[in-house]
Amino acid sequence: MTIGIRYSCALCGLEDVEVAVRLREPEEDVIQWMEKAVTPALGRDHFNRSPRCQPSTLTQVKIPVPPGTTMVGGPAVN
C-alpha cells in the first residue's frame, strides 16, 4: 500500500507533484521512514521529471494525514 506525497521544486518550477510512497510500518520510526522511503522516492521522481535540475532541497513536501490515521505516513484505521 502507498500514500500520495506531494512536493515542489523552487529551482525548476515543479509544483505540487504527487508521488506514491510506501506506507510507514507500525514499528518504523518516522525519521527512518523519511530517510529510507520518502526522500529516495521524491528524489527519483524529481530526477525523472527534471534531470538537469539538482536542488539541495525540495519545497512544500506535503504528507497527508487522513481521518483515522494514527501516525504520519500510516494507513487510515477504520
N, C-alpha and C. Protein backbone atom coordinates (compact mmCIF):
# COMPACT_ATOMS: atom_id res chain seq x y z
N MET A 1 0.83 -1.18 0.00
CA MET A 1 0.00 0.00 0.00
C MET A 1 0.88 1.25 0.00
N THR A 2 0.34 2.29 -0.59
CA THR A 2 1.10 3.54 -0.70
C THR A 2 0.29 4.74 -0.22
N ILE A 3 1.00 5.84 -0.06
CA ILE A 3 0.39 7.12 0.29
C ILE A 3 0.89 8.13 -0.75
N GLY A 4 0.03 9.06 -1.16
CA GLY A 4 0.42 10.08 -2.12
C GLY A 4 1.03 11.28 -1.41
N ILE A 5 2.31 11.52 -1.66
CA ILE A 5 3.02 12.65 -1.05
C ILE A 5 3.32 13.65 -2.15
N ARG A 6 3.09 14.91 -1.89
CA ARG A 6 3.31 15.97 -2.89
C ARG A 6 4.56 16.79 -2.54
N TYR A 7 5.20 17.30 -3.59
CA TYR A 7 6.36 18.17 -3.39
C TYR A 7 6.43 19.20 -4.50
N SER A 8 7.24 20.23 -4.28
CA SER A 8 7.53 21.24 -5.29
C SER A 8 9.03 21.45 -5.32
N CYS A 9 9.51 22.06 -6.41
CA CYS A 9 10.93 22.41 -6.53
C CYS A 9 11.02 23.86 -7.00
N ALA A 10 11.54 24.72 -6.15
CA ALA A 10 11.65 26.14 -6.48
C ALA A 10 12.66 26.39 -7.59
N LEU A 11 13.61 25.48 -7.77
CA LEU A 11 14.66 25.67 -8.77
C LEU A 11 14.15 25.46 -10.20
N CYS A 12 13.42 24.38 -10.43
CA CYS A 12 12.98 24.07 -11.80
C CYS A 12 11.49 24.35 -12.04
N GLY A 13 10.77 24.69 -10.98
CA GLY A 13 9.38 25.09 -11.14
C GLY A 13 8.35 23.98 -11.02
N LEU A 14 8.76 22.77 -10.68
CA LEU A 14 7.75 21.73 -10.46
C LEU A 14 6.88 22.15 -9.27
N GLU A 15 5.57 21.94 -9.40
CA GLU A 15 4.67 22.35 -8.32
C GLU A 15 3.67 21.26 -7.99
N ASP A 16 3.57 20.94 -6.73
CA ASP A 16 2.57 20.01 -6.20
C ASP A 16 2.53 18.68 -6.95
N VAL A 17 3.70 18.12 -7.21
CA VAL A 17 3.80 16.83 -7.89
C VAL A 17 3.51 15.73 -6.88
N GLU A 18 2.65 14.78 -7.24
CA GLU A 18 2.31 13.69 -6.32
C GLU A 18 3.11 12.44 -6.65
N VAL A 19 3.64 11.82 -5.61
CA VAL A 19 4.43 10.60 -5.74
C VAL A 19 3.86 9.55 -4.79
N ALA A 20 3.70 8.33 -5.26
CA ALA A 20 3.26 7.23 -4.40
C ALA A 20 4.45 6.71 -3.62
N VAL A 21 4.32 6.69 -2.30
CA VAL A 21 5.38 6.24 -1.41
C VAL A 21 4.79 5.15 -0.52
N ARG A 22 5.59 4.12 -0.24
CA ARG A 22 5.07 3.04 0.62
C ARG A 22 4.68 3.58 1.98
N LEU A 23 3.66 2.96 2.56
CA LEU A 23 3.22 3.36 3.90
C LEU A 23 4.29 3.04 4.93
N ARG A 24 4.25 3.77 5.99
CA ARG A 24 5.16 3.54 7.12
C ARG A 24 4.71 2.33 7.91
N GLU A 25 5.65 1.48 8.26
CA GLU A 25 5.36 0.29 9.06
C GLU A 25 5.04 0.72 10.49
N PRO A 26 4.19 -0.03 11.19
CA PRO A 26 3.80 0.36 12.56
C PRO A 26 4.99 0.57 13.51
N GLU A 27 6.03 -0.24 13.38
CA GLU A 27 7.17 -0.13 14.29
C GLU A 27 8.29 0.77 13.74
N GLU A 28 8.08 1.33 12.56
CA GLU A 28 9.11 2.13 11.91
C GLU A 28 9.09 3.58 12.40
N ASP A 29 10.23 4.09 12.80
CA ASP A 29 10.37 5.47 13.24
C ASP A 29 10.13 6.40 12.06
N VAL A 30 9.52 7.55 12.30
CA VAL A 30 9.19 8.48 11.22
C VAL A 30 10.46 8.97 10.51
N ILE A 31 11.54 9.18 11.24
CA ILE A 31 12.79 9.63 10.62
C ILE A 31 13.33 8.54 9.69
N GLN A 32 13.29 7.31 10.16
CA GLN A 32 13.73 6.17 9.34
C GLN A 32 12.92 6.10 8.05
N TRP A 33 11.61 6.23 8.17
CA TRP A 33 10.72 6.16 7.01
C TRP A 33 11.04 7.29 6.04
N MET A 34 11.25 8.50 6.56
CA MET A 34 11.59 9.63 5.69
C MET A 34 12.90 9.36 4.94
N GLU A 35 13.91 8.84 5.65
CA GLU A 35 15.21 8.60 5.03
C GLU A 35 15.22 7.43 4.06
N LYS A 36 14.48 6.36 4.39
CA LYS A 36 14.52 5.14 3.58
C LYS A 36 13.46 5.08 2.48
N ALA A 37 12.35 5.78 2.66
CA ALA A 37 11.26 5.67 1.69
C ALA A 37 10.93 7.00 1.01
N VAL A 38 10.67 8.03 1.79
CA VAL A 38 10.18 9.29 1.24
C VAL A 38 11.25 10.01 0.42
N THR A 39 12.39 10.29 1.03
CA THR A 39 13.43 11.06 0.34
C THR A 39 13.88 10.39 -0.96
N PRO A 40 14.18 9.08 -0.96
CA PRO A 40 14.58 8.45 -2.22
C PRO A 40 13.48 8.48 -3.29
N ALA A 41 12.23 8.28 -2.89
CA ALA A 41 11.13 8.28 -3.86
C ALA A 41 10.95 9.66 -4.49
N LEU A 42 10.99 10.71 -3.67
CA LEU A 42 10.85 12.07 -4.20
C LEU A 42 12.05 12.42 -5.06
N GLY A 43 13.25 12.03 -4.63
CA GLY A 43 14.46 12.30 -5.41
C GLY A 43 14.43 11.64 -6.77
N ARG A 44 14.02 10.38 -6.83
CA ARG A 44 13.92 9.66 -8.13
C ARG A 44 12.89 10.32 -9.03
N ASP A 45 11.75 10.66 -8.45
CA ASP A 45 10.70 11.28 -9.25
C ASP A 45 11.18 12.63 -9.81
N HIS A 46 11.81 13.43 -8.96
CA HIS A 46 12.30 14.73 -9.40
C HIS A 46 13.33 14.56 -10.52
N PHE A 47 14.26 13.64 -10.35
CA PHE A 47 15.28 13.41 -11.37
C PHE A 47 14.65 12.99 -12.70
N ASN A 48 13.65 12.10 -12.64
CA ASN A 48 12.98 11.65 -13.86
C ASN A 48 12.25 12.78 -14.58
N ARG A 49 11.70 13.70 -13.82
CA ARG A 49 10.96 14.82 -14.41
C ARG A 49 11.88 15.97 -14.85
N SER A 50 12.96 16.16 -14.13
CA SER A 50 13.82 17.32 -14.38
C SER A 50 15.30 16.95 -14.17
N PRO A 51 15.86 16.11 -15.07
CA PRO A 51 17.21 15.57 -14.84
C PRO A 51 18.32 16.62 -14.77
N ARG A 52 18.13 17.79 -15.34
CA ARG A 52 19.18 18.81 -15.30
C ARG A 52 19.16 19.63 -14.01
N CYS A 53 18.08 19.53 -13.26
CA CYS A 53 17.95 20.28 -12.00
C CYS A 53 18.55 19.45 -10.87
N GLN A 54 19.38 20.05 -10.06
CA GLN A 54 19.98 19.36 -8.93
C GLN A 54 19.84 20.20 -7.66
N PRO A 55 18.62 20.25 -7.11
CA PRO A 55 18.40 21.08 -5.92
C PRO A 55 19.00 20.44 -4.67
N SER A 56 19.34 21.26 -3.71
CA SER A 56 19.80 20.71 -2.44
C SER A 56 18.60 20.32 -1.56
N THR A 57 17.45 20.93 -1.83
CA THR A 57 16.22 20.59 -1.10
C THR A 57 15.03 20.72 -2.04
N LEU A 58 13.97 20.01 -1.68
CA LEU A 58 12.67 20.18 -2.33
C LEU A 58 11.83 21.01 -1.37
N THR A 59 10.82 21.67 -1.90
CA THR A 59 9.99 22.52 -1.05
C THR A 59 8.56 22.00 -1.01
N GLN A 60 7.82 22.47 -0.05
CA GLN A 60 6.40 22.16 0.05
C GLN A 60 6.13 20.66 0.05
N VAL A 61 6.90 19.89 0.80
CA VAL A 61 6.64 18.45 0.92
C VAL A 61 5.39 18.29 1.79
N LYS A 62 4.38 17.64 1.23
CA LYS A 62 3.09 17.52 1.92
C LYS A 62 2.74 16.05 2.12
N ILE A 63 2.66 15.64 3.36
CA ILE A 63 2.29 14.27 3.71
C ILE A 63 0.89 14.32 4.31
N PRO A 64 -0.08 13.76 3.60
CA PRO A 64 -1.46 13.84 4.13
C PRO A 64 -1.64 12.97 5.37
N VAL A 65 -2.51 13.43 6.24
CA VAL A 65 -2.88 12.67 7.43
C VAL A 65 -4.41 12.59 7.43
N PRO A 66 -4.95 11.59 6.70
CA PRO A 66 -6.41 11.49 6.60
C PRO A 66 -7.05 11.11 7.93
N PRO A 67 -8.34 11.38 8.07
CA PRO A 67 -9.05 10.98 9.30
C PRO A 67 -8.85 9.49 9.57
N GLY A 68 -8.62 9.16 10.80
CA GLY A 68 -8.43 7.77 11.18
C GLY A 68 -6.98 7.32 11.16
N THR A 69 -6.08 8.18 10.68
CA THR A 69 -4.66 7.84 10.66
C THR A 69 -4.10 8.05 12.05
N THR A 70 -3.34 7.10 12.54
CA THR A 70 -2.80 7.20 13.89
C THR A 70 -1.34 7.64 13.93
N MET A 71 -0.69 7.72 12.76
CA MET A 71 0.71 8.17 12.71
C MET A 71 1.02 8.73 11.33
N VAL A 72 1.98 9.64 11.26
CA VAL A 72 2.39 10.23 9.98
C VAL A 72 2.89 9.11 9.07
N GLY A 73 2.33 9.05 7.86
CA GLY A 73 2.74 8.05 6.88
C GLY A 73 2.05 6.72 7.04
N GLY A 74 1.15 6.64 8.01
CA GLY A 74 0.47 5.37 8.27
C GLY A 74 -0.88 5.30 7.58
N PRO A 75 -1.45 4.11 7.54
CA PRO A 75 -2.76 3.93 6.93
C PRO A 75 -3.88 4.44 7.82
N ALA A 76 -4.99 4.74 7.21
CA ALA A 76 -6.18 5.11 7.99
C ALA A 76 -6.71 3.88 8.68
N VAL A 77 -7.10 4.02 9.92
CA VAL A 77 -7.65 2.91 10.68
C VAL A 77 -9.16 3.11 10.75
N ASN A 78 -9.90 2.12 10.32
CA ASN A 78 -11.37 2.23 10.33
C ASN A 78 -11.96 1.70 11.60
